[in-house]
Amino acid sequence: MDKLNILWTNADETAFDKMVAMYARNAKVNGWWNEITVLIWGSTARLAAQSELAGLRIRELLQVGVGVVACKSCSDSLGTTEKLQAMGVDVRYLGEELTRILKSDEKLLTV
């Protein structure tokens, strides 16, 4: 399985820009992984919806084929669901999906 999941829980803008987005984009563009998904979880939903830089990076990730999904429970409680969906983020409940990832052989990077 050549799939990487990046669980983004650290709401520091620099950590997102200089690690999550940078690695995900370069890994996809350079073919280091066939499939990459960034999972937005917790307070990162607020940063993604409010930060111009984070929004720009998310749109760039989507353009190069990186999947970007957000926890619906988190985004609903933070009032960011509509904004994330407007950016092209797939907002859905992720508890079962994260459990499946953890129980499988898929790679999970947590930031």
Protein backbone atom coordinates (compact mmCIF):
# COMPACT_ATOMS: atom_id res chain seq x y z
CA MET A 1 0.00 0.00 0.00
CA ASP A 2 1.53 3.28 -1.12
CA LYS A 3 -0.72 5.63 0.81
CA LEU A 4 0.15 8.26 3.39
CA ASN A 5 -2.32 9.86 5.78
CA ILE A 6 -1.26 13.01 7.60
CA LEU A 7 -3.26 13.69 10.75
CA TRP A 8 -2.99 17.45 11.28
CA THR A 9 -3.85 18.40 14.87
CA ASN A 10 -1.28 21.12 15.61
CA ALA A 11 -2.91 24.51 14.96
CA ASP A 12 0.41 26.32 14.59
CA GLU A 13 0.45 28.01 11.17
CA THR A 14 4.19 27.52 10.69
CA ALA A 15 3.96 23.80 11.49
CA PHE A 16 1.27 23.49 8.83
CA ASP A 17 3.09 25.57 6.23
CA LYS A 18 6.61 24.24 6.77
CA MET A 19 5.81 20.60 7.51
CA VAL A 20 2.31 19.36 6.67
CA ALA A 21 1.68 21.32 3.46
CA MET A 22 5.30 21.36 2.31
CA TYR A 23 5.81 17.63 2.73
CA ALA A 24 2.40 16.63 1.37
CA ARG A 25 2.81 18.77 -1.75
CA ASN A 26 6.39 17.70 -2.47
CA ALA A 27 5.62 14.06 -1.78
CA LYS A 28 2.73 14.12 -4.25
CA VAL A 29 4.50 16.13 -6.96
CA ASN A 30 7.65 13.99 -6.74
CA GLY A 31 5.79 10.66 -6.57
CA TRP A 32 7.09 9.66 -3.15
CA TRP A 33 3.59 8.35 -2.35
CA ASN A 34 0.82 7.41 -4.77
CA GLU A 35 -1.94 8.70 -2.52
CA ILE A 36 -1.77 11.32 0.22
CA THR A 37 -4.57 12.53 2.46
CA VAL A 38 -4.39 15.32 5.02
CA LEU A 39 -6.91 14.91 7.83
CA ILE A 40 -7.87 18.19 9.50
CA TRP A 41 -8.76 17.47 13.12
CA GLY A 42 -9.57 19.65 16.11
CA SER A 43 -8.56 23.30 16.26
CA THR A 44 -6.80 23.02 12.90
CA ALA A 45 -10.25 23.37 11.34
CA ARG A 46 -10.36 26.94 12.66
CA LEU A 47 -6.87 27.74 11.37
CA ALA A 48 -7.68 26.25 7.97
CA ALA A 49 -10.84 28.35 7.69
CA GLN A 50 -9.41 31.64 9.02
CA SER A 51 -5.79 31.79 7.88
CA GLU A 52 -5.14 33.15 4.39
CA LEU A 53 -1.87 31.20 4.23
CA ALA A 54 -3.45 27.93 5.33
CA GLY A 55 -6.29 28.42 2.85
CA LEU A 56 -3.81 29.06 0.05
CA ARG A 57 -1.79 25.96 0.94
CA ILE A 58 -4.91 23.79 1.13
CA ARG A 59 -6.00 24.93 -2.33
CA GLU A 60 -2.48 24.16 -3.63
CA LEU A 61 -2.63 20.68 -2.11
CA LEU A 62 -5.99 20.01 -3.73
CA GLN A 63 -4.69 21.24 -7.09
CA VAL A 64 -1.81 18.73 -7.10
CA GLY A 65 -4.05 15.84 -6.07
CA VAL A 66 -3.59 15.62 -2.31
CA GLY A 67 -6.83 14.69 -0.57
CA VAL A 68 -7.87 17.07 2.20
CA VAL A 69 -10.62 16.00 4.59
CA ALA A 70 -11.88 17.53 7.83
CA CYS A 71 -13.57 16.07 10.87
CA LYS A 72 -17.22 17.12 10.63
CA SER A 73 -17.77 17.00 14.37
CA CYS A 74 -14.82 19.35 14.91
CA SER A 75 -15.70 21.72 12.08
CA ASP A 76 -19.38 21.86 13.08
CA SER A 77 -18.51 22.69 16.68
CA LEU A 78 -16.02 25.37 15.55
CA GLY A 79 -18.38 26.84 12.96
CA THR A 80 -16.03 26.20 10.04
CA THR A 81 -17.85 23.53 8.01
CA GLU A 82 -19.25 25.80 5.29
CA LYS A 83 -15.96 27.68 4.83
CA LEU A 84 -13.96 24.44 4.55
CA GLN A 85 -16.42 22.97 2.07
CA ALA A 86 -16.24 26.16 -0.02
CA MET A 87 -12.47 25.67 -0.18
CA GLY A 88 -12.95 22.16 -1.57
CA VAL A 89 -12.27 20.27 1.65
CA ASP A 90 -14.28 17.06 2.09
CA VAL A 91 -15.94 17.47 5.49
CA ARG A 92 -17.13 14.20 7.02
CA TYR A 93 -17.12 12.21 10.24
CA LEU A 94 -13.65 10.69 10.59
CA GLY A 95 -13.69 8.60 13.76
CA GLU A 96 -14.30 5.28 12.01
CA GLU A 97 -11.91 6.19 9.19
CA LEU A 98 -9.10 7.02 11.61
CA THR A 99 -9.73 3.76 13.45
CA ARG A 100 -9.53 1.86 10.15
CA ILE A 101 -6.26 3.60 9.29
CA LEU A 102 -4.78 2.77 12.69
CA LYS A 103 -5.77 -0.89 12.36
CA SER A 104 -4.47 -1.20 8.79
CA ASP A 105 -1.07 -1.14 7.16
CA GLU A 106 -1.58 2.42 5.88
CA LYS A 107 1.01 4.92 7.02
CA LEU A 108 -0.06 7.67 9.43
CA LEU A 109 2.02 10.74 10.15
CA THR A 110 0.71 12.86 13.03
CA VAL A 111 1.58 16.54 13.30
